[in-house]
Amino acid sequence: MLFSWSQALAWRMRQQLLDPVGTESVEGVVRRLGAMPAHPDAAAELAVRARRERSRSGEVVHALAEGRIIKTFAFRGATHPSLVFMARVPPPRGRCCRPRSWAAP
């Protein structure tokens, strides 16, 4: 199946909640994208707010203070650590998530 550049761009914009802009919460945006740049603070706020129809200044800081998102360092193959927001997720359950599930029996 072949795709045009405009189709690929449209798909990417939808996946990134940029077109159309989403209605998700702050943590919903972070969860959807997997991680968001978190430094500097103003850029982090802009990255999240650009993906929400309705947002207010300070919502990202508030979500961080309440523990709905977390800030952590992620080493992504760059020469410097990236500070990212990550949504909190419930602990994994089920057989596939048992301790050392990768190890041979």
C-alpha atoms as a PDB file:
ATOM      1  CA  MET A   1       0.000   0.000   0.000  1.00  0.00           C
ATOM      2  CA  LEU A   2       1.408   3.376  -0.988  1.00  0.00           C
ATOM      3  CA  PHE A   3       0.811   6.634   0.835  1.00  0.00           C
ATOM      4  CA  SER A   4       1.344  10.178  -0.329  1.00  0.00           C
ATOM      5  CA  TRP A   5       3.340  12.679   1.709  1.00  0.00           C
ATOM      6  CA  SER A   6       0.129  14.537   2.559  1.00  0.00           C
ATOM      7  CA  GLN A   7      -1.495  11.318   3.832  1.00  0.00           C
ATOM      8  CA  ALA A   8       1.560  10.511   5.935  1.00  0.00           C
ATOM      9  CA  LEU A   9       1.622  14.040   7.345  1.00  0.00           C
ATOM     10  CA  ALA A  10      -2.101  13.939   8.133  1.00  0.00           C
ATOM     11  CA  TRP A  11      -1.643  10.631   9.978  1.00  0.00           C
ATOM     12  CA  ARG A  12       1.306  12.009  11.939  1.00  0.00           C
ATOM     13  CA  MET A  13      -0.612  15.172  12.899  1.00  0.00           C
ATOM     14  CA  ARG A  14      -3.537  13.060  14.176  1.00  0.00           C
ATOM     15  CA  GLN A  15      -1.203  10.812  16.178  1.00  0.00           C
ATOM     16  CA  GLN A  16       0.476  13.851  17.749  1.00  0.00           C
ATOM     17  CA  LEU A  17      -2.914  15.433  18.681  1.00  0.00           C
ATOM     18  CA  LEU A  18      -2.121  18.452  16.519  1.00  0.00           C
ATOM     19  CA  ASP A  19      -4.811  18.187  13.820  1.00  0.00           C
ATOM     20  CA  PRO A  20      -7.417  18.011  15.100  1.00  0.00           C
ATOM     21  CA  VAL A  21      -6.324  19.263  18.495  1.00  0.00           C
ATOM     22  CA  GLY A  22      -7.424  16.837  21.198  1.00  0.00           C
ATOM     23  CA  THR A  23      -9.691  17.106  24.191  1.00  0.00           C
ATOM     24  CA  GLU A  24      -7.530  14.942  26.458  1.00  0.00           C
ATOM     25  CA  SER A  25      -6.388  15.906  29.943  1.00  0.00           C
ATOM     26  CA  VAL A  26      -2.759  16.832  30.587  1.00  0.00           C
ATOM     27  CA  GLU A  27      -1.955  13.268  31.617  1.00  0.00           C
ATOM     28  CA  GLY A  28      -3.977  11.963  28.661  1.00  0.00           C
ATOM     29  CA  VAL A  29      -1.782  13.945  26.269  1.00  0.00           C
ATOM     30  CA  VAL A  30       1.403  12.687  27.912  1.00  0.00           C
ATOM     31  CA  ARG A  31       0.101   9.102  27.969  1.00  0.00           C
ATOM     32  CA  ARG A  32      -0.943   9.269  24.312  1.00  0.00           C
ATOM     33  CA  LEU A  33       2.479  10.473  23.220  1.00  0.00           C
ATOM     34  CA  GLY A  34       4.419   8.258  25.599  1.00  0.00           C
ATOM     35  CA  ALA A  35       6.625  11.085  26.830  1.00  0.00           C
ATOM     36  CA  MET A  36       6.913  14.831  26.388  1.00  0.00           C
ATOM     37  CA  PRO A  37       9.933  17.133  26.582  1.00  0.00           C
ATOM     38  CA  ALA A  38       9.959  18.701  30.036  1.00  0.00           C
ATOM     39  CA  HIS A  39      12.734  21.270  29.831  1.00  0.00           C
ATOM     40  CA  PRO A  40      12.585  24.208  29.957  1.00  0.00           C
ATOM     41  CA  ASP A  41       9.313  24.447  31.862  1.00  0.00           C
ATOM     42  CA  ALA A  42       7.765  26.972  29.456  1.00  0.00           C
ATOM     43  CA  ALA A  43       8.472  24.717  26.465  1.00  0.00           C
ATOM     44  CA  ALA A  44       6.973  21.756  28.278  1.00  0.00           C
ATOM     45  CA  GLU A  45       3.830  23.723  29.040  1.00  0.00           C
ATOM     46  CA  LEU A  46       3.571  24.839  25.408  1.00  0.00           C
ATOM     47  CA  ALA A  47       4.067  21.292  24.098  1.00  0.00           C
ATOM     48  CA  VAL A  48       1.148  19.999  26.162  1.00  0.00           C
ATOM     49  CA  ARG A  49      -1.127  23.022  25.719  1.00  0.00           C
ATOM     50  CA  ALA A  50      -0.689  23.014  21.925  1.00  0.00           C
ATOM     51  CA  ARG A  51      -2.368  19.601  21.915  1.00  0.00           C
ATOM     52  CA  ARG A  52      -5.451  20.560  23.930  1.00  0.00           C
ATOM     53  CA  GLU A  53      -8.520  22.501  22.821  1.00  0.00           C
ATOM     54  CA  ARG A  54      -8.926  24.087  26.227  1.00  0.00           C
ATOM     55  CA  SER A  55      -6.046  24.637  28.579  1.00  0.00           C
ATOM     56  CA  ARG A  56      -4.848  27.051  31.198  1.00  0.00           C
ATOM     57  CA  SER A  57      -1.417  28.160  32.201  1.00  0.00           C
ATOM     58  CA  GLY A  58      -0.088  26.136  35.113  1.00  0.00           C
ATOM     59  CA  GLU A  59      -2.014  22.912  34.424  1.00  0.00           C
ATOM     60  CA  VAL A  60       1.173  20.981  33.685  1.00  0.00           C
ATOM     61  CA  VAL A  61       2.796  22.117  36.935  1.00  0.00           C
ATOM     62  CA  HIS A  62      -0.418  21.248  38.789  1.00  0.00           C
ATOM     63  CA  ALA A  63      -0.547  17.741  37.254  1.00  0.00           C
ATOM     64  CA  LEU A  64       3.099  17.262  38.218  1.00  0.00           C
ATOM     65  CA  ALA A  65       2.462  18.411  41.808  1.00  0.00           C
ATOM     66  CA  GLU A  66      -0.518  16.036  42.127  1.00  0.00           C
ATOM     67  CA  GLY A  67       1.524  13.111  40.787  1.00  0.00           C
ATOM     68  CA  ARG A  68      -0.650  12.597  37.710  1.00  0.00           C
ATOM     69  CA  ILE A  69       2.498  12.921  35.597  1.00  0.00           C
ATOM     70  CA  ILE A  70       6.105  12.429  36.574  1.00  0.00           C
ATOM     71  CA  LYS A  71       9.309  14.092  35.445  1.00  0.00           C
ATOM     72  CA  THR A  72      12.274  11.865  34.761  1.00  0.00           C
ATOM     73  CA  PHE A  73      15.515  11.707  32.809  1.00  0.00           C
ATOM     74  CA  ALA A  74      15.550   9.563  29.699  1.00  0.00           C
ATOM     75  CA  PHE A  75      18.717   8.703  27.860  1.00  0.00           C
ATOM     76  CA  ARG A  76      17.660   8.519  24.232  1.00  0.00           C
ATOM     77  CA  GLY A  77      20.927   7.985  22.441  1.00  0.00           C
ATOM     78  CA  ALA A  78      21.863  11.647  22.598  1.00  0.00           C
ATOM     79  CA  THR A  79      24.945  13.072  24.227  1.00  0.00           C
ATOM     80  CA  HIS A  80      22.799  14.699  26.896  1.00  0.00           C
ATOM     81  CA  PRO A  81      19.928  13.382  29.043  1.00  0.00           C
ATOM     82  CA  SER A  82      16.452  14.456  28.019  1.00  0.00           C
ATOM     83  CA  LEU A  83      14.110  15.564  30.766  1.00  0.00           C
ATOM     84  CA  VAL A  84      10.664  14.178  29.945  1.00  0.00           C
ATOM     85  CA  PHE A  85       7.206  13.973  31.442  1.00  0.00           C
ATOM     86  CA  MET A  86       5.665  10.545  31.642  1.00  0.00           C
ATOM     87  CA  ALA A  87       2.129   9.656  32.618  1.00  0.00           C
ATOM     88  CA  ARG A  88       1.757   7.431  35.634  1.00  0.00           C
ATOM     89  CA  VAL A  89       0.382   4.056  34.742  1.00  0.00           C
ATOM     90  CA  PRO A  90      -1.035   1.350  36.988  1.00  0.00           C
ATOM     91  CA  PRO A  91       1.284  -1.540  37.826  1.00  0.00           C
ATOM     92  CA  PRO A  92       1.235  -4.314  35.234  1.00  0.00           C
ATOM     93  CA  ARG A  93      -0.846  -7.409  35.867  1.00  0.00           C
ATOM     94  CA  GLY A  94      -1.113 -10.776  34.250  1.00  0.00           C
ATOM     95  CA  ARG A  95       1.127 -13.609  33.248  1.00  0.00           C
ATOM     96  CA  CYS A  96       3.105 -11.622  30.681  1.00  0.00           C
ATOM     97  CA  CYS A  97       4.200  -9.185  33.373  1.00  0.00           C
ATOM     98  CA  ARG A  98       5.418 -11.599  36.037  1.00  0.00           C
ATOM     99  CA  PRO A  99       8.900 -10.999  37.452  1.00  0.00           C
ATOM    100  CA  ARG A 100      11.629 -12.071  35.053  1.00  0.00           C
ATOM    101  CA  SER A 101       9.076 -12.934  32.358  1.00  0.00           C
ATOM    102  CA  TRP A 102      11.873 -12.748  29.802  1.00  0.00           C
ATOM    103  CA  ALA A 103      13.846 -15.553  31.460  1.00  0.00           C
ATOM    104  CA  ALA A 104      13.570 -19.124  30.241  1.00  0.00           C
ATOM    105  CA  PRO A 105      11.813 -21.503  32.690  1.00  0.00           C
END
